[in-house]
Amino acid sequence: DRLVFALFFATYLVYRAGDPASYAAAASRLDLTVGTANTLALLTSSWLLALATHAARMGAAAQALRLMRGAIGLGLFFVIGKLIEYAALSGGGADARDDAHGFVMFYLVFTGVHFLHVGIGLLILALLSRSIAASARAAARLEPETLRDLESAGAYWHMVDLLWIVLFALFYVLA
């Protein structure tokens, strides 16, 4: 995934360098407030998931579950924010087919692929939270497999977060 995204980013930067004024004008149609809120939501979600992993390692399944639910909630906040942005962009007449300079196409494809990764991450976290909830109800320590799965899910979630930070910089800040 990282290689694919690196190629995406390099291709975007090459096209952007060919028409910086058009890209800046198109980027100005994005809502920086929503983009910033989404970024903060994902960063905080990653932090909560890191805290959940630490709590799980310490045997505090109930605390891990609460933190994980917070991480999932912020992930859902991100999803809602992206849907609002997509609707606003579409309502503003943005269409990848009419995008002569490519900004909208790049934005929709890159953030769409990221959106898919967020959805997969949320599904993984939701399924994993069921195992953690069972341990919390039984006041038991997490099984080693569950802890390993939580750490793997955390690594995936942090990578999704990192990719968003680059996307945010490319589409919202670089404008």
Protein backbone atom coordinates (compact mmCIF):
# COMPACT_ATOMS: atom_id res chain seq x y z
CA ASP A 1 0.00 0.00 0.00
CA ARG A 2 2.77 2.44 0.88
CA LEU A 3 4.42 1.95 -2.52
CA VAL A 4 1.13 2.49 -4.32
CA PHE A 5 0.45 5.66 -2.35
CA ALA A 6 4.03 6.88 -2.95
CA LEU A 7 3.44 6.48 -6.69
CA PHE A 8 0.09 8.27 -6.34
CA PHE A 9 1.75 11.16 -4.52
CA ALA A 10 4.61 11.46 -7.01
CA THR A 11 2.19 11.42 -9.96
CA TYR A 12 0.02 14.08 -8.32
CA LEU A 13 3.02 16.33 -7.65
CA VAL A 14 4.20 16.03 -11.27
CA TYR A 15 0.77 17.01 -12.60
CA ARG A 16 0.42 19.78 -10.03
CA ALA A 17 3.80 21.20 -11.00
CA GLY A 18 2.53 21.46 -14.58
CA ASP A 19 -0.40 23.71 -13.64
CA PRO A 20 0.03 25.07 -10.10
CA ALA A 21 -2.46 27.94 -10.52
CA SER A 22 -5.31 25.63 -11.57
CA TYR A 23 -4.53 23.20 -8.78
CA ALA A 24 -4.46 26.00 -6.20
CA ALA A 25 -7.78 27.35 -7.51
CA ALA A 26 -9.37 23.89 -7.37
CA ALA A 27 -7.96 23.21 -3.90
CA SER A 28 -9.51 26.44 -2.62
CA ARG A 29 -12.93 24.77 -3.09
CA LEU A 30 -12.07 22.28 -0.33
CA ASP A 31 -13.19 23.11 3.18
CA LEU A 32 -10.04 23.52 5.29
CA THR A 33 -12.09 23.45 8.50
CA VAL A 34 -13.61 20.05 7.69
CA GLY A 35 -10.23 18.76 6.49
CA THR A 36 -8.58 19.93 9.70
CA ALA A 37 -11.33 18.43 11.86
CA ASN A 38 -10.94 15.12 10.01
CA THR A 39 -7.19 15.22 10.55
CA LEU A 40 -7.58 15.91 14.26
CA ALA A 41 -10.18 13.12 14.51
CA LEU A 42 -7.83 10.57 12.95
CA LEU A 43 -4.84 11.71 15.01
CA THR A 44 -6.86 11.48 18.21
CA SER A 45 -8.28 8.13 17.13
CA SER A 46 -4.76 6.76 16.67
CA TRP A 47 -3.77 8.10 20.08
CA LEU A 48 -6.79 6.44 21.71
CA LEU A 49 -5.99 3.17 19.98
CA ALA A 50 -2.39 3.35 21.23
CA LEU A 51 -3.74 3.93 24.76
CA ALA A 52 -6.15 1.02 24.29
CA THR A 53 -3.29 -1.25 23.28
CA HIS A 54 -1.31 -0.19 26.33
CA ALA A 55 -4.31 -0.80 28.60
CA ALA A 56 -4.80 -4.23 27.04
CA ARG A 57 -1.15 -5.10 27.67
CA MET A 58 -1.63 -4.11 31.32
CA GLY A 59 -4.65 -6.40 31.62
CA ALA A 60 -7.25 -3.62 31.74
CA ALA A 61 -9.67 -5.01 29.14
CA ALA A 62 -12.58 -2.74 30.16
CA GLN A 63 -10.42 0.38 29.83
CA ALA A 64 -9.02 -0.88 26.51
CA LEU A 65 -12.57 -1.39 25.25
CA ARG A 66 -13.64 2.16 26.21
CA LEU A 67 -10.59 3.64 24.50
CA MET A 68 -11.12 1.49 21.45
CA ARG A 69 -14.75 2.57 21.19
CA GLY A 70 -13.55 6.18 21.31
CA ALA A 71 -11.11 5.43 18.48
CA ILE A 72 -13.89 3.85 16.45
CA GLY A 73 -16.20 6.80 17.14
CA LEU A 74 -13.60 9.25 15.87
CA GLY A 75 -13.06 7.05 12.82
CA LEU A 76 -16.79 7.27 12.15
CA PHE A 77 -16.57 11.06 12.63
CA PHE A 78 -13.93 11.05 9.87
CA VAL A 79 -16.20 9.00 7.59
CA ILE A 80 -19.08 11.43 8.11
CA GLY A 81 -16.77 14.39 7.49
CA LYS A 82 -15.54 12.88 4.22
CA LEU A 83 -19.10 12.19 3.08
CA ILE A 84 -19.99 15.81 3.82
CA GLU A 85 -16.97 16.97 1.82
CA TYR A 86 -17.80 14.69 -1.10
CA ALA A 87 -21.38 15.97 -1.12
CA ALA A 88 -20.23 19.60 -0.97
CA LEU A 89 -17.74 19.05 -3.77
CA SER A 90 -20.38 17.33 -5.89
CA GLY A 91 -22.97 20.00 -5.07
CA GLY A 92 -20.46 22.65 -6.12
CA GLY A 93 -20.32 21.15 -9.60
CA ALA A 94 -17.02 19.31 -9.21
CA ASP A 95 -16.88 16.33 -11.54
CA ALA A 96 -13.79 14.32 -12.39
CA ARG A 97 -14.96 14.05 -16.02
CA ASP A 98 -14.92 17.84 -16.44
CA ASP A 99 -11.65 18.27 -14.57
CA ALA A 100 -9.22 19.39 -17.31
CA HIS A 101 -6.26 19.86 -14.96
CA GLY A 102 -6.86 16.70 -12.88
CA PHE A 103 -7.22 18.01 -9.33
CA VAL A 104 -10.72 16.64 -8.70
CA MET A 105 -9.83 13.27 -10.20
CA PHE A 106 -6.73 13.02 -8.01
CA TYR A 107 -8.65 14.17 -4.94
CA LEU A 108 -11.52 11.74 -5.43
CA VAL A 109 -9.33 8.74 -6.28
CA PHE A 110 -6.75 9.28 -3.53
CA THR A 111 -9.18 10.17 -0.78
CA GLY A 112 -11.56 7.46 -2.04
CA VAL A 113 -8.87 4.79 -1.73
CA HIS A 114 -8.02 6.16 1.71
CA PHE A 115 -11.73 6.16 2.62
CA LEU A 116 -11.85 2.46 1.69
CA HIS A 117 -8.86 1.79 3.96
CA VAL A 118 -10.57 3.65 6.81
CA GLY A 119 -13.68 1.53 6.31
CA ILE A 120 -11.64 -1.68 6.41
CA GLY A 121 -9.85 -0.44 9.55
CA LEU A 122 -13.14 0.39 11.25
CA LEU A 123 -14.50 -3.06 10.43
CA ILE A 124 -11.38 -4.71 11.85
CA LEU A 125 -11.57 -2.58 15.01
CA ALA A 126 -15.28 -3.29 15.45
CA LEU A 127 -14.77 -7.04 15.13
CA LEU A 128 -11.79 -6.95 17.47
CA SER A 129 -13.74 -4.92 20.03
CA ARG A 130 -16.15 -7.84 20.35
CA SER A 131 -13.33 -10.08 21.59
CA ILE A 132 -12.14 -7.39 23.96
CA ALA A 133 -15.70 -6.85 25.22
CA ALA A 134 -15.96 -10.56 26.06
CA SER A 135 -12.73 -10.32 28.09
CA ALA A 136 -13.96 -7.17 29.79
CA ARG A 137 -17.26 -8.83 30.78
CA ALA A 138 -15.37 -11.79 32.21
CA ALA A 139 -12.88 -9.46 33.93
CA ALA A 140 -10.18 -11.53 32.27
CA ARG A 141 -6.90 -10.66 30.62
CA LEU A 142 -6.89 -10.67 26.85
CA GLU A 143 -5.77 -13.82 25.12
CA PRO A 144 -2.30 -13.43 23.58
CA GLU A 145 -3.83 -13.83 20.10
CA THR A 146 -6.28 -11.00 20.76
CA LEU A 147 -3.50 -8.75 22.01
CA ARG A 148 -1.44 -9.57 18.91
CA ASP A 149 -4.46 -8.82 16.72
CA LEU A 150 -4.97 -5.51 18.52
CA GLU A 151 -1.35 -4.55 17.95
CA SER A 152 -1.61 -5.48 14.25
CA ALA A 153 -4.85 -3.53 13.90
CA GLY A 154 -3.17 -0.58 15.59
CA ALA A 155 -0.25 -0.70 13.14
CA TYR A 156 -2.73 -0.71 10.24
CA TRP A 157 -4.76 2.14 11.76
CA HIS A 158 -1.64 4.26 12.35
CA MET A 159 -0.56 3.71 8.71
CA VAL A 160 -3.99 4.83 7.52
CA ASP A 161 -3.56 7.90 9.73
CA LEU A 162 -0.11 8.60 8.33
CA LEU A 163 -1.43 8.38 4.77
CA TRP A 164 -4.16 10.87 5.64
CA ILE A 165 -1.61 13.33 6.99
CA VAL A 166 0.18 13.24 3.62
CA LEU A 167 -3.12 13.57 1.75
CA PHE A 168 -4.13 16.50 3.96
CA ALA A 169 -0.81 18.21 3.27
CA LEU A 170 -1.04 17.62 -0.49
CA PHE A 171 -4.66 18.67 -1.00
CA TYR A 172 -5.37 21.20 1.72
CA VAL A 173 -2.06 22.74 2.83
CA LEU A 174 0.04 22.72 -0.34
CA ALA A 175 -2.70 24.61 -2.18
